Every structure is written in C-alpha cells, then in structure tokens.
Protein backbone atom coordinates (compact mmCIF):
# COMPACT_ATOMS: atom_id res chain seq x y z
CA MET A 1 35.44 -45.73 67.80
CA ALA A 2 33.37 -48.54 66.32
CA ASP A 3 32.04 -51.28 68.58
CA VAL A 4 32.09 -53.80 65.75
CA SER A 5 34.59 -54.10 62.96
CA LEU A 6 34.55 -56.69 60.20
CA ASP A 7 37.21 -57.54 57.69
CA TYR A 8 35.11 -58.13 54.58
CA ALA A 9 38.12 -59.27 52.57
CA ALA A 10 38.89 -61.97 55.15
CA MET A 11 35.27 -63.13 55.14
CA GLU A 12 35.25 -63.24 51.34
CA ALA A 13 38.49 -65.25 51.38
CA SER A 14 36.93 -67.73 53.82
CA ILE A 15 33.81 -68.02 51.68
CA SER A 16 35.95 -68.71 48.64
CA ALA A 17 38.02 -71.29 50.54
CA TYR A 18 34.89 -73.16 51.67
CA LYS A 19 33.50 -73.13 48.14
CA ASN A 20 36.78 -74.45 46.74
CA MET A 21 36.99 -77.09 49.48
CA HIS A 22 33.51 -78.31 48.60
CA SER A 23 34.35 -78.56 44.90
CA LEU A 24 37.69 -80.26 45.52
CA LEU A 25 36.35 -82.82 47.98
CA ASP A 26 33.28 -83.54 45.90
CA GLY A 27 35.35 -84.13 42.76
CA SER A 28 37.97 -86.19 44.57
CA THR A 29 35.43 -88.43 46.24
CA ALA A 30 33.62 -89.08 42.99
CA ALA A 31 36.89 -89.81 41.19
CA LEU A 32 37.97 -92.35 43.83
CA GLY A 33 34.72 -94.25 43.57
CA SER A 34 34.59 -94.30 39.81
CA ALA A 35 38.21 -95.05 38.90
CA SER A 36 38.03 -97.08 35.71
CA SER A 37 40.39 -99.51 34.05
CA ASP A 38 40.91 -96.95 31.27
CA ALA A 39 42.19 -94.38 33.77
CA ILE A 40 44.05 -96.83 36.04
CA PRO A 41 45.05 -100.02 34.25
CA GLN A 42 46.72 -101.57 37.33
CA SER A 43 43.93 -103.52 38.99
CA ALA A 44 45.64 -103.56 42.41
CA LEU A 45 45.90 -99.76 42.47
CA ARG A 46 42.36 -99.37 41.18
CA ASP A 47 41.08 -101.76 43.86
CA ARG A 48 42.95 -99.82 46.55
CA LEU A 49 41.41 -96.54 45.34
CA HIS A 50 37.96 -98.12 45.48
CA ASP A 51 38.76 -99.38 49.00
CA LEU A 52 39.88 -95.87 49.96
CA HIS A 53 36.61 -94.49 48.63
CA ASP A 54 34.64 -97.09 50.59
CA SER A 55 36.57 -96.30 53.78
CA TRP A 56 36.83 -92.52 53.53
CA GLY A 57 34.21 -91.56 50.96
CA GLY A 58 31.38 -91.08 53.45
CA GLY A 59 33.51 -88.86 55.69
CA LEU A 60 34.77 -86.85 52.74
CA ASP A 61 31.20 -86.44 51.50
CA LYS A 62 30.17 -85.11 54.93
CA LEU A 63 33.13 -82.76 55.03
CA SER A 64 32.19 -81.56 51.54
CA ARG A 65 28.61 -80.88 52.67
CA TYR A 66 29.86 -79.07 55.78
CA ALA A 67 32.08 -76.90 53.60
CA GLU A 68 29.12 -76.14 51.34
CA ASP A 69 26.97 -75.26 54.38
CA ALA A 70 29.73 -73.07 55.81
CA HIS A 71 30.05 -71.32 52.44
CA GLY A 72 26.32 -70.59 52.35
CA GLY A 73 26.08 -69.58 56.00
CA LEU A 74 29.07 -67.27 55.89
CA SER A 75 27.78 -65.74 52.65
CA ASN A 76 24.51 -64.95 54.43
CA VAL A 77 26.35 -63.45 57.41
CA LEU A 78 28.48 -61.28 55.13
CA GLU A 79 25.41 -60.08 53.23
CA ALA A 80 23.63 -59.28 56.51
CA PHE A 81 26.55 -57.21 57.76
CA ARG A 82 26.83 -55.37 54.44
CA SER A 83 23.12 -54.59 54.57
CA PHE A 84 23.48 -53.42 58.17
CA ASP A 85 26.40 -51.17 57.17
CA GLU A 86 24.33 -49.66 54.37
CA ASP A 87 21.36 -49.08 56.69
CA VAL A 88 23.54 -47.42 59.33
CA ALA A 89 25.26 -45.25 56.73
CA ALA A 90 21.89 -44.18 55.32
CA SER A 91 20.51 -43.34 58.75
CA MET A 92 23.63 -41.32 59.57
CA GLU A 93 23.24 -39.36 56.34
CA GLU A 94 19.59 -38.69 57.14
CA GLY A 95 20.49 -37.58 60.65
CA GLY A 96 23.30 -35.38 59.36
CA ASP A 97 21.04 -33.59 56.87
CA SER A 98 18.53 -32.50 59.51
CA ALA A 99 21.10 -31.21 62.01
C-alpha cells in the first residue's frame, strides 16, 4: 500500500481554477476602473463603478495576484510529484531487472 497518494486530476483542476480566477479578477478590476461613457452612458452608474473600483480594486488586485501565485506554486508542486513518480518508477524497474 502506498504511503502517499495524489489525485493529479484534482490538482490540475485546482491549477486551472486559480488560473481562471486570476484572469477573471484581473479583467474585472481593469474594466471597473476604465468604464467609459461609450460603454456606460449613465454617468451615475459609471461613477458608482469607478467608486467600486476605488473601494475594492486594491483587494481584488491582491486576490488576483494570490490566485496567480497559487497557480504557479501548485503547478510546481504537481511537476515535482510527477518527477518523483517517474524517478521511483525508474528505480523500481532497475531494481526489478537485477533481481
């Protein structure tokens, strides 16, 4: 029985979710801050969106960066485990050939 078991599909799904979160938050934050009169002709609504960006934009930017960092970190962890799996499999094959 294995001491460690990883669900690569679950890790890949998490990596994808973090990448999508980063893209979504980044795009949304930029759109709030740059809402133009062409896109939103109602000045009151446009002003409220700009206010929302001013109030929440910094936090959303941080969350976007955290998602990007989590994406990169988890990608590195997944690659390390895959490499470890390959190394263990290769050493088991080498050990099996000499027995």
